[in-house]
């Protein structure tokens, strides 16, 4: 195995591990797409999604007696 192939294999393995660790299923919540890119080849190694919560401010209502 060449040194470059060994490097790419290790990079791909780590990219897959990271996406598995932080990725969340797409389920209708707000999502961010995350990508892992090899900076030496500018190749995307893995893509996943993470969800986030939107803080909703309480609604104030004026009530007249």
PDB file of N, CA and C in Angstrom:
ATOM      1  N   UNK A   1       0.860  -1.171   0.000  1.00  0.00           N
ATOM      2  CA  UNK A   1       0.000   0.000   0.000  1.00  0.00           C
ATOM      3  C   UNK A   1       0.911   1.240   0.000  1.00  0.00           C
ATOM      4  N   UNK A   2       0.623   2.163  -0.895  1.00  0.00           N
ATOM      5  CA  UNK A   2       1.439   3.378  -0.964  1.00  0.00           C
ATOM      6  C   UNK A   2       1.153   4.275   0.237  1.00  0.00           C
ATOM      7  N   UNK A   3       2.056   5.196   0.485  1.00  0.00           N
ATOM      8  CA  UNK A   3       1.890   6.123   1.616  1.00  0.00           C
ATOM      9  C   UNK A   3       0.647   6.983   1.420  1.00  0.00           C
ATOM     10  N   UNK A   4       0.377   7.420   0.195  1.00  0.00           N
ATOM     11  CA  UNK A   4      -0.810   8.258  -0.069  1.00  0.00           C
ATOM     12  C   UNK A   4      -2.099   7.471   0.131  1.00  0.00           C
ATOM     13  N   UNK A   5      -2.125   6.229  -0.315  1.00  0.00           N
ATOM     14  CA  UNK A   5      -3.313   5.395  -0.121  1.00  0.00           C
ATOM     15  C   UNK A   5      -3.531   5.133   1.363  1.00  0.00           C
ATOM     16  N   UNK A   6      -2.463   4.910   2.107  1.00  0.00           N
ATOM     17  CA  UNK A   6      -2.580   4.702   3.560  1.00  0.00           C
ATOM     18  C   UNK A   6      -3.122   5.964   4.232  1.00  0.00           C
ATOM     19  N   UNK A   7      -2.640   7.135   3.803  1.00  0.00           N
ATOM     20  CA  UNK A   7      -3.121   8.399   4.363  1.00  0.00           C
ATOM     21  C   UNK A   7      -4.606   8.601   4.051  1.00  0.00           C
ATOM     22  N   UNK A   8      -4.995   8.358   2.797  1.00  0.00           N
ATOM     23  CA  UNK A   8      -6.403   8.527   2.413  1.00  0.00           C
ATOM     24  C   UNK A   8      -7.311   7.531   3.131  1.00  0.00           C
ATOM     25  N   UNK A   9      -6.846   6.324   3.316  1.00  0.00           N
ATOM     26  CA  UNK A   9      -7.637   5.319   4.034  1.00  0.00           C
ATOM     27  C   UNK A   9      -7.839   5.731   5.488  1.00  0.00           C
ATOM     28  N   UNK A  10      -6.776   6.196   6.117  1.00  0.00           N
ATOM     29  CA  UNK A  10      -6.888   6.662   7.509  1.00  0.00           C
ATOM     30  C   UNK A  10      -7.791   7.888   7.605  1.00  0.00           C
ATOM     31  N   UNK A  11      -7.664   8.810   6.649  1.00  0.00           N
ATOM     32  CA  UNK A  11      -8.503  10.011   6.648  1.00  0.00           C
ATOM     33  C   UNK A  11      -9.970   9.651   6.462  1.00  0.00           C
ATOM     34  N   UNK A  12     -10.249   8.732   5.558  1.00  0.00           N
ATOM     35  CA  UNK A  12     -11.636   8.313   5.318  1.00  0.00           C
ATOM     36  C   UNK A  12     -12.228   7.648   6.556  1.00  0.00           C
ATOM     37  N   UNK A  13     -11.431   6.814   7.197  1.00  0.00           N
ATOM     38  CA  UNK A  13     -11.884   6.143   8.414  1.00  0.00           C
ATOM     39  C   UNK A  13     -12.232   7.158   9.502  1.00  0.00           C
ATOM     40  N   UNK A  14     -11.387   8.159   9.697  1.00  0.00           N
ATOM     41  CA  UNK A  14     -11.635   9.180  10.712  1.00  0.00           C
ATOM     42  C   UNK A  14     -12.848  10.027  10.336  1.00  0.00           C
ATOM     43  N   UNK A  15     -12.990  10.376   9.071  1.00  0.00           N
ATOM     44  CA  UNK A  15     -14.145  11.169   8.619  1.00  0.00           C
ATOM     45  C   UNK A  15     -15.444  10.417   8.898  1.00  0.00           C
ATOM     46  N   UNK A  16     -15.481   9.136   8.582  1.00  0.00           N
ATOM     47  CA  UNK A  16     -16.674   8.324   8.849  1.00  0.00           C
ATOM     48  C   UNK A  16     -16.964   8.257  10.343  1.00  0.00           C
ATOM     49  N   UNK A  17     -15.930   8.113  11.152  1.00  0.00           N
ATOM     50  CA  UNK A  17     -16.084   8.058  12.606  1.00  0.00           C
ATOM     51  C   UNK A  17     -16.671   9.363  13.153  1.00  0.00           C
ATOM     52  N   UNK A  18     -16.165  10.486  12.672  1.00  0.00           N
ATOM     53  CA  UNK A  18     -16.650  11.792  13.140  1.00  0.00           C
ATOM     54  C   UNK A  18     -18.118  11.988  12.773  1.00  0.00           C
ATOM     55  N   UNK A  19     -18.482  11.684  11.546  1.00  0.00           N
ATOM     56  CA  UNK A  19     -19.875  11.857  11.113  1.00  0.00           C
ATOM     57  C   UNK A  19     -20.798  10.939  11.908  1.00  0.00           C
ATOM     58  N   UNK A  20     -20.388   9.712  12.161  1.00  0.00           N
ATOM     59  CA  UNK A  20     -21.209   8.806  12.978  1.00  0.00           C
ATOM     60  C   UNK A  20     -21.384   9.347  14.391  1.00  0.00           C
ATOM     61  N   UNK A  21     -20.336   9.949  14.932  1.00  0.00           N
ATOM     62  CA  UNK A  21     -20.369  10.431  16.320  1.00  0.00           C
ATOM     63  C   UNK A  21     -21.268  11.652  16.493  1.00  0.00           C
ATOM     64  N   UNK A  22     -21.263  12.560  15.527  1.00  0.00           N
ATOM     65  CA  UNK A  22     -22.004  13.810  15.719  1.00  0.00           C
ATOM     66  C   UNK A  22     -23.281  13.896  14.902  1.00  0.00           C
ATOM     67  N   UNK A  23     -23.445  13.067  13.909  1.00  0.00           N
ATOM     68  CA  UNK A  23     -24.610  13.154  13.036  1.00  0.00           C
ATOM     69  C   UNK A  23     -25.907  12.786  13.737  1.00  0.00           C
ATOM     70  N   UNK A  24     -26.983  13.431  13.303  1.00  0.00           N
ATOM     71  CA  UNK A  24     -28.317  13.121  13.808  1.00  0.00           C
ATOM     72  C   UNK A  24     -29.229  12.849  12.624  1.00  0.00           C
ATOM     73  N   UNK A  25     -30.265  12.029  12.811  1.00  0.00           N
ATOM     74  CA  UNK A  25     -31.162  11.732  11.699  1.00  0.00           C
ATOM     75  C   UNK A  25     -31.948  12.977  11.279  1.00  0.00           C
ATOM     76  N   UNK A  26     -32.234  13.066  10.003  1.00  0.00           N
ATOM     77  CA  UNK A  26     -33.039  14.167   9.476  1.00  0.00           C
ATOM     78  C   UNK A  26     -34.485  13.889   9.866  1.00  0.00           C
ATOM     79  N   UNK A  27     -35.063  14.760  10.699  1.00  0.00           N
ATOM     80  CA  UNK A  27     -36.414  14.491  11.205  1.00  0.00           C
ATOM     81  C   UNK A  27     -37.298  15.735  11.253  1.00  0.00           C
ATOM     82  N   UNK A  28     -37.027  16.701  10.414  1.00  0.00           N
ATOM     83  CA  UNK A  28     -37.882  17.878  10.363  1.00  0.00           C
ATOM     84  C   UNK A  28     -37.423  19.041  11.223  1.00  0.00           C
ATOM     85  N   UNK A  29     -36.473  18.799  12.122  1.00  0.00           N
ATOM     86  CA  UNK A  29     -35.945  19.899  12.934  1.00  0.00           C
ATOM     87  C   UNK A  29     -34.967  20.707  12.091  1.00  0.00           C
ATOM     88  N   UNK A  30     -34.650  21.941  12.528  1.00  0.00           N
ATOM     89  CA  UNK A  30     -33.636  22.708  11.793  1.00  0.00           C
ATOM     90  C   UNK A  30     -32.317  21.926  11.771  1.00  0.00           C
ATOM     91  N   UNK A  31     -31.679  21.921  10.626  1.00  0.00           N
ATOM     92  CA  UNK A  31     -30.472  21.113  10.459  1.00  0.00           C
ATOM     93  C   UNK A  31     -29.325  21.944   9.897  1.00  0.00           C
ATOM     94  N   UNK A  32     -28.130  21.517  10.219  1.00  0.00           N
ATOM     95  CA  UNK A  32     -26.906  22.025   9.606  1.00  0.00           C
ATOM     96  C   UNK A  32     -26.237  20.863   8.891  1.00  0.00           C
ATOM     97  N   UNK A  33     -25.747  21.108   7.704  1.00  0.00           N
ATOM     98  CA  UNK A  33     -24.998  20.069   6.993  1.00  0.00           C
ATOM     99  C   UNK A  33     -23.528  20.242   7.359  1.00  0.00           C
ATOM    100  N   UNK A  34     -22.893  19.155   7.737  1.00  0.00           N
ATOM    101  CA  UNK A  34     -21.473  19.194   8.051  1.00  0.00           C
ATOM    102  C   UNK A  34     -20.738  18.299   7.050  1.00  0.00           C
ATOM    103  N   UNK A  35     -19.582  18.739   6.662  1.00  0.00           N
ATOM    104  CA  UNK A  35     -18.792  17.966   5.705  1.00  0.00           C
ATOM    105  C   UNK A  35     -17.355  17.891   6.198  1.00  0.00           C
ATOM    106  N   UNK A  36     -16.735  16.758   5.935  1.00  0.00           N
ATOM    107  CA  UNK A  36     -15.324  16.564   6.255  1.00  0.00           C
ATOM    108  C   UNK A  36     -14.589  16.518   4.924  1.00  0.00           C
ATOM    109  N   UNK A  37     -13.636  17.427   4.771  1.00  0.00           N
ATOM    110  CA  UNK A  37     -12.905  17.556   3.507  1.00  0.00           C
ATOM    111  C   UNK A  37     -11.409  17.353   3.738  1.00  0.00           C
ATOM    112  N   UNK A  38     -10.798  16.613   2.872  1.00  0.00           N
ATOM    113  CA  UNK A  38      -9.349  16.418   2.912  1.00  0.00           C
ATOM    114  C   UNK A  38      -8.710  17.680   2.322  1.00  0.00           C
ATOM    115  N   UNK A  39      -7.982  18.453   3.134  1.00  0.00           N
ATOM    116  CA  UNK A  39      -7.421  19.708   2.623  1.00  0.00           C
ATOM    117  C   UNK A  39      -6.314  19.506   1.583  1.00  0.00           C
ATOM    118  N   UNK A  40      -5.695  18.341   1.560  1.00  0.00           N
ATOM    119  CA  UNK A  40      -4.618  18.110   0.585  1.00  0.00           C
ATOM    120  C   UNK A  40      -5.161  17.857  -0.814  1.00  0.00           C
ATOM    121  N   UNK A  41      -6.319  17.200  -0.897  1.00  0.00           N
ATOM    122  CA  UNK A  41      -6.891  16.873  -2.206  1.00  0.00           C
ATOM    123  C   UNK A  41      -8.166  17.648  -2.485  1.00  0.00           C
ATOM    124  N   UNK A  42      -8.672  18.380  -1.489  1.00  0.00           N
ATOM    125  CA  UNK A  42      -9.937  19.104  -1.581  1.00  0.00           C
ATOM    126  C   UNK A  42     -11.094  18.171  -1.938  1.00  0.00           C
ATOM    127  N   UNK A  43     -11.014  16.946  -1.432  1.00  0.00           N
ATOM    128  CA  UNK A  43     -12.040  15.939  -1.662  1.00  0.00           C
ATOM    129  C   UNK A  43     -12.903  15.813  -0.426  1.00  0.00           C
ATOM    130  N   UNK A  44     -14.230  15.817  -0.625  1.00  0.00           N
ATOM    131  CA  UNK A  44     -15.145  15.609   0.502  1.00  0.00           C
ATOM    132  C   UNK A  44     -15.134  14.132   0.850  1.00  0.00           C
ATOM    133  N   UNK A  45     -14.830  13.833   2.107  1.00  0.00           N
ATOM    134  CA  UNK A  45     -14.735  12.452   2.559  1.00  0.00           C
ATOM    135  C   UNK A  45     -16.028  11.956   3.176  1.00  0.00           C
ATOM    136  N   UNK A  46     -16.777  12.851   3.806  1.00  0.00           N
ATOM    137  CA  UNK A  46     -18.025  12.438   4.460  1.00  0.00           C
ATOM    138  C   UNK A  46     -18.919  13.658   4.634  1.00  0.00           C
ATOM    139  N   UNK A  47     -20.214  13.407   4.652  1.00  0.00           N
ATOM    140  CA  UNK A  47     -21.206  14.463   4.861  1.00  0.00           C
ATOM    141  C   UNK A  47     -22.253  13.937   5.826  1.00  0.00           C
ATOM    142  N   UNK A  48     -22.713  14.797   6.714  1.00  0.00           N
ATOM    143  CA  UNK A  48     -23.760  14.416   7.654  1.00  0.00           C
ATOM    144  C   UNK A  48     -24.550  15.644   8.069  1.00  0.00           C
ATOM    145  N   UNK A  49     -25.501  15.442   8.937  1.00  0.00           N
ATOM    146  CA  UNK A  49     -26.352  16.524   9.406  1.00  0.00           C
ATOM    147  C   UNK A  49     -26.400  16.520  10.926  1.00  0.00           C
ATOM    148  N   UNK A  50     -26.507  17.699  11.500  1.00  0.00           N
ATOM    149  CA  UNK A  50     -26.745  17.838  12.934  1.00  0.00           C
ATOM    150  C   UNK A  50     -27.929  18.775  13.105  1.00  0.00           C
ATOM    151  N   UNK A  51     -28.746  18.479  14.100  1.00  0.00           N
ATOM    152  CA  UNK A  51     -29.907  19.327  14.354  1.00  0.00           C
ATOM    153  C   UNK A  51     -29.569  20.347  15.428  1.00  0.00           C
ATOM    154  N   UNK A  52     -30.358  21.383  15.477  1.00  0.00           N
ATOM    155  CA  UNK A  52     -30.209  22.388  16.527  1.00  0.00           C
ATOM    156  C   UNK A  52     -31.585  22.871  16.916  1.00  0.00           C
ATOM    157  N   UNK A  53     -31.665  23.445  18.092  1.00  0.00           N
ATOM    158  CA  UNK A  53     -32.936  23.939  18.617  1.00  0.00           C
ATOM    159  C   UNK A  53     -33.008  25.449  18.459  1.00  0.00           C
ATOM    160  N   UNK A  54     -34.180  25.927  18.136  1.00  0.00           N
ATOM    161  CA  UNK A  54     -34.417  27.364  18.024  1.00  0.00           C
ATOM    162  C   UNK A  54     -35.115  27.810  19.293  1.00  0.00           C
ATOM    163  N   UNK A  55     -34.499  28.747  19.987  1.00  0.00           N
ATOM    164  CA  UNK A  55     -35.099  29.289  21.201  1.00  0.00           C
ATOM    165  C   UNK A  55     -36.225  30.240  20.795  1.00  0.00           C
ATOM    166  N   UNK A  56     -37.424  29.941  21.243  1.00  0.00           N
ATOM    167  CA  UNK A  56     -38.575  30.777  20.920  1.00  0.00           C
ATOM    168  C   UNK A  56     -38.853  31.678  22.121  1.00  0.00           C
ATOM    169  N   UNK A  57     -38.887  32.981  21.861  1.00  0.00           N
ATOM    170  CA  UNK A  57     -39.156  33.943  22.939  1.00  0.00           C
ATOM    171  C   UNK A  57     -40.620  33.813  23.363  1.00  0.00           C
ATOM    172  N   UNK A  58     -40.910  33.990  24.640  1.00  0.00           N
ATOM    173  CA  UNK A  58     -42.294  33.919  25.087  1.00  0.00           C
ATOM    174  C   UNK A  58     -43.133  35.039  24.442  1.00  0.00           C
ATOM    175  N   UNK A  59     -44.367  34.718  24.174  1.00  0.00           N
ATOM    176  CA  UNK A  59     -45.271  35.677  23.562  1.00  0.00           C
ATOM    177  C   UNK A  59     -45.994  36.439  24.676  1.00  0.00           C
ATOM    178  N   UNK A  60     -45.949  37.760  24.606  1.00  0.00           N
ATOM    179  CA  UNK A  60     -46.655  38.592  25.592  1.00  0.00           C
ATOM    180  C   UNK A  60     -47.976  39.028  24.985  1.00  0.00           C
ATOM    181  N   UNK A  61     -49.028  38.941  25.778  1.00  0.00           N
ATOM    182  CA  UNK A  61     -50.347  39.336  25.301  1.00  0.00           C
ATOM    183  C   UNK A  61     -50.919  40.384  26.253  1.00  0.00           C
ATOM    184  N   UNK A  62     -51.488  41.413  25.679  1.00  0.00           N
ATOM    185  CA  UNK A  62     -52.154  42.430  26.493  1.00  0.00           C
ATOM    186  C   UNK A  62     -53.575  41.947  26.773  1.00  0.00           C
ATOM    187  N   UNK A  63     -53.958  41.981  28.026  1.00  0.00           N
ATOM    188  CA  UNK A  63     -55.302  41.551  28.428  1.00  0.00           C
ATOM    189  C   UNK A  63     -55.994  42.746  29.052  1.00  0.00           C
ATOM    190  N   UNK A  64     -57.181  43.042  28.550  1.00  0.00           N
ATOM    191  CA  UNK A  64     -57.947  44.155  29.128  1.00  0.00           C
ATOM    192  C   UNK A  64     -59.015  43.592  30.057  1.00  0.00           C
ATOM    193  N   UNK A  65     -59.257  44.270  31.198  1.00  0.00           N
ATOM    194  CA  UNK A  65     -60.236  43.745  32.153  1.00  0.00           C
ATOM    195  C   UNK A  65     -61.657  43.928  31.699  1.00  0.00           C
TER     196      UNK A  65
END
